Amino acid sequence: MNRSKLTSSLLAASFLAIALTQAGCVATASNPTPRGVVVNGPPPLPLQEERPAPPGATAVWVNGYWHWTGAQYTWIPGHWENAPPGQSWYAPRYSASEGAFFYQPGGWKPASPR
């Protein structure tokens, strides 16, 4: 057998071996672990703020929120921002699962079609 045919045969055998080992894998349904950063507890209650007039027609209000710094929560005051084209703001999320608290920062994401 020449080298080219041997290489092709080995490659085919490798793919077959991988396919056979993967055929026995079974995915089981489970509750996904929340995404985010593990924190020491839920954030304090939101602070009450006054919303000033928008600086322009394209400005989007971002509500104030508690941000996890790695050691503690820090209040980020509400403010106006210009949204990136085609994007909308989503607020941070705080959740608890299996005795742990999670913080997922907010950010910009593609706007949903209307």
N, C-alpha and C. Protein backbone atom coordinates (compact mmCIF):
# COMPACT_ATOMS: atom_id res chain seq x y z
N MET A 1 0.86 -1.17 0.00
CA MET A 1 0.00 0.00 0.00
C MET A 1 0.90 1.23 0.00
N ASN A 2 0.60 2.18 -0.86
CA ASN A 2 1.45 3.37 -0.90
C ASN A 2 1.07 4.31 0.25
N ARG A 3 1.94 5.28 0.47
CA ARG A 3 1.79 6.20 1.62
C ARG A 3 0.47 6.98 1.58
N SER A 4 0.03 7.42 0.41
CA SER A 4 -1.20 8.20 0.28
C SER A 4 -2.42 7.37 0.69
N LYS A 5 -2.47 6.10 0.21
CA LYS A 5 -3.60 5.24 0.56
C LYS A 5 -3.57 4.90 2.05
N LEU A 6 -2.37 4.71 2.62
CA LEU A 6 -2.25 4.41 4.04
C LEU A 6 -2.74 5.58 4.88
N THR A 7 -2.35 6.79 4.49
CA THR A 7 -2.79 7.99 5.21
C THR A 7 -4.31 8.12 5.13
N SER A 8 -4.88 7.90 3.95
CA SER A 8 -6.33 7.99 3.78
C SER A 8 -7.04 6.93 4.61
N SER A 9 -6.50 5.72 4.65
CA SER A 9 -7.10 4.64 5.43
C SER A 9 -7.05 4.95 6.92
N LEU A 10 -5.92 5.47 7.40
CA LEU A 10 -5.80 5.83 8.82
C LEU A 10 -6.76 6.97 9.18
N LEU A 11 -6.88 7.92 8.30
CA LEU A 11 -7.78 9.04 8.53
C LEU A 11 -9.23 8.56 8.60
N ALA A 12 -9.61 7.69 7.67
CA ALA A 12 -10.98 7.14 7.66
C ALA A 12 -11.23 6.33 8.93
N ALA A 13 -10.26 5.54 9.36
CA ALA A 13 -10.40 4.73 10.57
C ALA A 13 -10.54 5.63 11.80
N SER A 14 -9.81 6.73 11.82
CA SER A 14 -9.91 7.67 12.94
C SER A 14 -11.30 8.28 13.01
N PHE A 15 -11.83 8.72 11.88
CA PHE A 15 -13.18 9.29 11.85
C PHE A 15 -14.21 8.26 12.29
N LEU A 16 -14.04 7.02 11.85
CA LEU A 16 -14.98 5.95 12.22
C LEU A 16 -14.92 5.71 13.73
N ALA A 17 -13.72 5.68 14.29
CA ALA A 17 -13.57 5.47 15.73
C ALA A 17 -14.23 6.59 16.52
N ILE A 18 -14.04 7.80 16.07
CA ILE A 18 -14.66 8.95 16.76
C ILE A 18 -16.18 8.85 16.66
N ALA A 19 -16.69 8.53 15.50
CA ALA A 19 -18.14 8.42 15.31
C ALA A 19 -18.72 7.34 16.19
N LEU A 20 -18.04 6.19 16.31
CA LEU A 20 -18.55 5.11 17.13
C LEU A 20 -18.54 5.45 18.62
N THR A 21 -17.51 6.17 19.07
CA THR A 21 -17.47 6.53 20.49
C THR A 21 -18.52 7.58 20.82
N GLN A 22 -18.83 8.47 19.87
CA GLN A 22 -19.83 9.50 20.10
C GLN A 22 -21.25 8.95 20.04
N ALA A 23 -21.44 7.85 19.36
CA ALA A 23 -22.78 7.28 19.22
C ALA A 23 -23.34 6.83 20.57
N GLY A 24 -22.48 6.49 21.53
CA GLY A 24 -22.93 6.05 22.84
C GLY A 24 -23.19 7.18 23.80
N CYS A 25 -22.93 8.42 23.42
CA CYS A 25 -23.14 9.56 24.32
C CYS A 25 -24.63 9.87 24.41
N VAL A 26 -25.08 10.14 25.62
CA VAL A 26 -26.48 10.49 25.83
C VAL A 26 -26.53 11.81 26.58
N ALA A 27 -27.26 12.75 26.07
CA ALA A 27 -27.43 14.03 26.75
C ALA A 27 -28.62 13.91 27.69
N THR A 28 -28.45 14.38 28.90
CA THR A 28 -29.56 14.36 29.85
C THR A 28 -30.01 15.78 30.11
N ALA A 29 -31.29 15.95 30.30
CA ALA A 29 -31.84 17.27 30.57
C ALA A 29 -31.59 17.62 32.03
N SER A 30 -31.16 18.84 32.25
CA SER A 30 -30.99 19.33 33.62
C SER A 30 -31.17 20.83 33.59
N ASN A 31 -31.42 21.38 34.75
CA ASN A 31 -31.56 22.83 34.82
C ASN A 31 -30.19 23.46 34.60
N PRO A 32 -30.08 24.37 33.66
CA PRO A 32 -28.77 24.99 33.43
C PRO A 32 -28.39 25.87 34.61
N THR A 33 -27.10 25.87 34.91
CA THR A 33 -26.59 26.75 35.96
C THR A 33 -26.67 28.17 35.45
N PRO A 34 -27.13 29.10 36.29
CA PRO A 34 -27.20 30.49 35.83
C PRO A 34 -25.83 30.97 35.38
N ARG A 35 -25.83 31.77 34.34
CA ARG A 35 -24.58 32.37 33.87
C ARG A 35 -24.31 33.60 34.70
N GLY A 36 -23.07 33.93 34.85
CA GLY A 36 -22.73 35.12 35.59
C GLY A 36 -21.64 34.85 36.59
N VAL A 37 -21.51 35.75 37.52
CA VAL A 37 -20.45 35.70 38.52
C VAL A 37 -21.07 35.32 39.85
N VAL A 38 -20.43 34.41 40.58
CA VAL A 38 -20.91 34.06 41.91
C VAL A 38 -20.58 35.23 42.83
N VAL A 39 -21.58 35.68 43.59
CA VAL A 39 -21.42 36.81 44.50
C VAL A 39 -21.81 36.38 45.91
N ASN A 40 -21.57 37.25 46.89
CA ASN A 40 -21.82 36.86 48.28
C ASN A 40 -23.26 37.01 48.72
N GLY A 41 -24.14 37.48 47.89
CA GLY A 41 -25.55 37.62 48.24
C GLY A 41 -26.25 38.55 47.28
N PRO A 42 -27.55 38.73 47.50
CA PRO A 42 -28.31 39.61 46.60
C PRO A 42 -27.89 41.06 46.80
N PRO A 43 -28.16 41.91 45.81
CA PRO A 43 -27.80 43.32 45.94
C PRO A 43 -28.75 44.04 46.89
N PRO A 44 -28.34 45.22 47.38
CA PRO A 44 -29.28 46.03 48.16
C PRO A 44 -30.45 46.47 47.27
N LEU A 45 -31.47 47.03 47.89
CA LEU A 45 -32.60 47.55 47.12
C LEU A 45 -32.12 48.70 46.23
N PRO A 46 -32.72 48.87 45.05
CA PRO A 46 -32.31 49.96 44.16
C PRO A 46 -32.52 51.32 44.83
N LEU A 47 -31.67 52.27 44.50
CA LEU A 47 -31.82 53.63 45.00
C LEU A 47 -32.83 54.37 44.13
N GLN A 48 -33.54 55.29 44.72
CA GLN A 48 -34.50 56.10 43.98
C GLN A 48 -33.76 57.26 43.33
N GLU A 49 -34.00 57.47 42.05
CA GLU A 49 -33.32 58.54 41.32
C GLU A 49 -34.32 59.32 40.47
N GLU A 50 -33.99 60.56 40.23
CA GLU A 50 -34.78 61.38 39.31
C GLU A 50 -34.17 61.24 37.93
N ARG A 51 -35.04 61.13 36.93
CA ARG A 51 -34.56 61.02 35.55
C ARG A 51 -34.55 62.42 34.93
N PRO A 52 -33.37 62.93 34.57
CA PRO A 52 -33.34 64.24 33.92
C PRO A 52 -33.85 64.14 32.48
N ALA A 53 -34.08 65.28 31.88
CA ALA A 53 -34.52 65.32 30.48
C ALA A 53 -33.46 64.68 29.59
N PRO A 54 -33.87 64.00 28.53
CA PRO A 54 -32.89 63.38 27.63
C PRO A 54 -32.05 64.44 26.91
N PRO A 55 -30.78 64.12 26.68
CA PRO A 55 -29.92 65.07 25.99
C PRO A 55 -30.17 65.13 24.48
N GLY A 56 -30.88 64.15 23.95
CA GLY A 56 -31.15 64.13 22.51
C GLY A 56 -32.22 63.10 22.19
N ALA A 57 -32.69 63.13 20.95
CA ALA A 57 -33.78 62.25 20.53
C ALA A 57 -33.38 60.77 20.50
N THR A 58 -32.10 60.47 20.35
CA THR A 58 -31.67 59.08 20.23
C THR A 58 -31.17 58.51 21.57
N ALA A 59 -31.21 59.31 22.61
CA ALA A 59 -30.72 58.84 23.91
C ALA A 59 -31.66 57.81 24.52
N VAL A 60 -31.08 56.81 25.18
CA VAL A 60 -31.82 55.74 25.85
C VAL A 60 -31.49 55.81 27.34
N TRP A 61 -32.52 55.76 28.19
CA TRP A 61 -32.31 55.81 29.63
C TRP A 61 -31.89 54.43 30.13
N VAL A 62 -30.79 54.37 30.87
CA VAL A 62 -30.31 53.15 31.52
C VAL A 62 -30.55 53.35 33.00
N ASN A 63 -31.48 52.57 33.59
CA ASN A 63 -31.77 52.69 35.01
C ASN A 63 -30.53 52.41 35.85
N GLY A 64 -30.46 53.06 37.01
CA GLY A 64 -29.37 52.78 37.93
C GLY A 64 -29.45 51.33 38.41
N TYR A 65 -28.30 50.76 38.77
CA TYR A 65 -28.25 49.35 39.18
C TYR A 65 -27.04 49.10 40.07
N TRP A 66 -27.12 48.02 40.81
CA TRP A 66 -25.99 47.59 41.64
C TRP A 66 -25.08 46.70 40.80
N HIS A 67 -23.82 47.07 40.70
CA HIS A 67 -22.82 46.32 39.93
C HIS A 67 -21.87 45.63 40.90
N TRP A 68 -21.57 44.37 40.65
CA TRP A 68 -20.64 43.61 41.49
C TRP A 68 -19.21 43.93 41.04
N THR A 69 -18.37 44.41 41.97
CA THR A 69 -17.00 44.81 41.65
C THR A 69 -16.00 43.68 41.84
N GLY A 70 -16.43 42.56 42.37
CA GLY A 70 -15.52 41.48 42.70
C GLY A 70 -15.37 41.33 44.20
N ALA A 71 -15.74 42.39 44.93
CA ALA A 71 -15.66 42.36 46.39
C ALA A 71 -16.95 42.87 47.04
N GLN A 72 -17.67 43.73 46.32
CA GLN A 72 -18.88 44.33 46.87
C GLN A 72 -19.72 44.90 45.73
N TYR A 73 -20.96 45.27 46.08
CA TYR A 73 -21.81 45.95 45.11
C TYR A 73 -21.52 47.45 45.14
N THR A 74 -21.52 48.05 43.97
CA THR A 74 -21.36 49.50 43.83
C THR A 74 -22.52 50.01 42.98
N TRP A 75 -23.12 51.13 43.42
CA TRP A 75 -24.25 51.70 42.69
C TRP A 75 -23.77 52.42 41.45
N ILE A 76 -24.34 52.08 40.31
CA ILE A 76 -24.10 52.78 39.05
C ILE A 76 -25.34 53.63 38.81
N PRO A 77 -25.22 54.95 38.88
CA PRO A 77 -26.40 55.81 38.74
C PRO A 77 -27.04 55.68 37.35
N GLY A 78 -28.36 55.91 37.31
CA GLY A 78 -29.07 55.93 36.04
C GLY A 78 -28.50 57.04 35.16
N HIS A 79 -28.52 56.81 33.87
CA HIS A 79 -27.93 57.80 32.95
C HIS A 79 -28.46 57.59 31.53
N TRP A 80 -28.28 58.60 30.72
CA TRP A 80 -28.66 58.53 29.31
C TRP A 80 -27.46 58.06 28.50
N GLU A 81 -27.71 57.19 27.54
CA GLU A 81 -26.67 56.72 26.61
C GLU A 81 -27.22 56.71 25.20
N ASN A 82 -26.35 56.86 24.25
CA ASN A 82 -26.74 56.67 22.84
C ASN A 82 -26.54 55.20 22.51
N ALA A 83 -27.62 54.54 22.18
CA ALA A 83 -27.55 53.11 21.87
C ALA A 83 -26.75 52.88 20.61
N PRO A 84 -25.91 51.83 20.61
CA PRO A 84 -25.27 51.46 19.35
C PRO A 84 -26.36 51.12 18.34
N PRO A 85 -26.15 51.38 17.06
CA PRO A 85 -27.18 51.11 16.04
C PRO A 85 -27.71 49.67 16.13
N GLY A 86 -29.03 49.55 16.16
CA GLY A 86 -29.66 48.23 16.18
C GLY A 86 -29.57 47.50 17.51
N GLN A 87 -29.19 48.19 18.58
CA GLN A 87 -29.01 47.54 19.88
C GLN A 87 -30.00 48.08 20.90
N SER A 88 -30.29 47.29 21.92
CA SER A 88 -31.10 47.75 23.04
C SER A 88 -30.41 47.31 24.33
N TRP A 89 -30.66 48.04 25.41
CA TRP A 89 -30.03 47.78 26.70
C TRP A 89 -30.81 46.70 27.45
N TYR A 90 -30.09 45.79 28.07
CA TYR A 90 -30.74 44.87 29.00
C TYR A 90 -30.08 45.06 30.36
N ALA A 91 -30.90 45.08 31.39
CA ALA A 91 -30.44 45.36 32.75
C ALA A 91 -29.68 44.16 33.33
N PRO A 92 -28.84 44.42 34.32
CA PRO A 92 -28.17 43.29 35.00
C PRO A 92 -29.22 42.37 35.64
N ARG A 93 -28.82 41.13 35.85
CA ARG A 93 -29.72 40.16 36.48
C ARG A 93 -29.05 39.60 37.72
N TYR A 94 -29.86 39.33 38.70
CA TYR A 94 -29.41 38.75 39.95
C TYR A 94 -30.26 37.51 40.17
N SER A 95 -29.65 36.38 40.50
CA SER A 95 -30.43 35.16 40.70
C SER A 95 -29.78 34.30 41.78
N ALA A 96 -30.53 33.34 42.26
CA ALA A 96 -30.03 32.38 43.25
C ALA A 96 -30.30 30.98 42.72
N SER A 97 -29.33 30.09 42.93
CA SER A 97 -29.48 28.71 42.50
C SER A 97 -28.62 27.83 43.40
N GLU A 98 -29.24 26.81 43.97
CA GLU A 98 -28.54 25.83 44.79
C GLU A 98 -27.68 26.49 45.87
N GLY A 99 -28.24 27.50 46.53
CA GLY A 99 -27.56 28.15 47.64
C GLY A 99 -26.52 29.18 47.26
N ALA A 100 -26.33 29.44 45.97
CA ALA A 100 -25.35 30.44 45.52
C ALA A 100 -26.09 31.59 44.84
N PHE A 101 -25.52 32.78 44.94
CA PHE A 101 -26.08 33.96 44.27
C PHE A 101 -25.22 34.29 43.06
N PHE A 102 -25.88 34.72 41.99
CA PHE A 102 -25.19 35.03 40.74
C PHE A 102 -25.54 36.44 40.28
N TYR A 103 -24.56 37.10 39.69
CA TYR A 103 -24.74 38.43 39.10
C TYR A 103 -24.35 38.32 37.63
N GLN A 104 -25.24 38.77 36.76
CA GLN A 104 -24.94 38.82 35.33
C GLN A 104 -25.02 40.28 34.90
N PRO A 105 -23.90 40.87 34.49
CA PRO A 105 -23.92 42.29 34.11
C PRO A 105 -24.88 42.57 32.97
N GLY A 106 -25.36 43.80 32.92
CA GLY A 106 -26.19 44.25 31.82
C GLY A 106 -25.31 44.62 30.63
N GLY A 107 -25.95 44.99 29.56
CA GLY A 107 -25.19 45.39 28.37
C GLY A 107 -26.11 45.62 27.19
N TRP A 108 -25.51 45.80 26.06
CA TRP A 108 -26.25 46.02 24.81
C TRP A 108 -26.38 44.72 24.07
N LYS A 109 -27.53 44.50 23.44
CA LYS A 109 -27.76 43.31 22.63
C LYS A 109 -28.55 43.73 21.40
N PRO A 110 -28.56 42.89 20.36
CA PRO A 110 -29.34 43.23 19.17
C PRO A 110 -30.81 43.43 19.54
N ALA A 111 -31.39 44.49 19.05
CA ALA A 111 -32.79 44.79 19.32
C ALA A 111 -33.69 43.75 18.67
N SER A 112 -34.76 43.39 19.34
CA SER A 112 -35.69 42.42 18.75
C SER A 112 -36.51 43.12 17.68
N PRO A 113 -36.82 42.39 16.61
CA PRO A 113 -37.61 42.99 15.52
C PRO A 113 -39.01 43.32 16.01
N ARG A 114 -39.58 44.38 15.49
CA ARG A 114 -40.93 44.80 15.93
C ARG A 114 -41.96 44.39 14.95
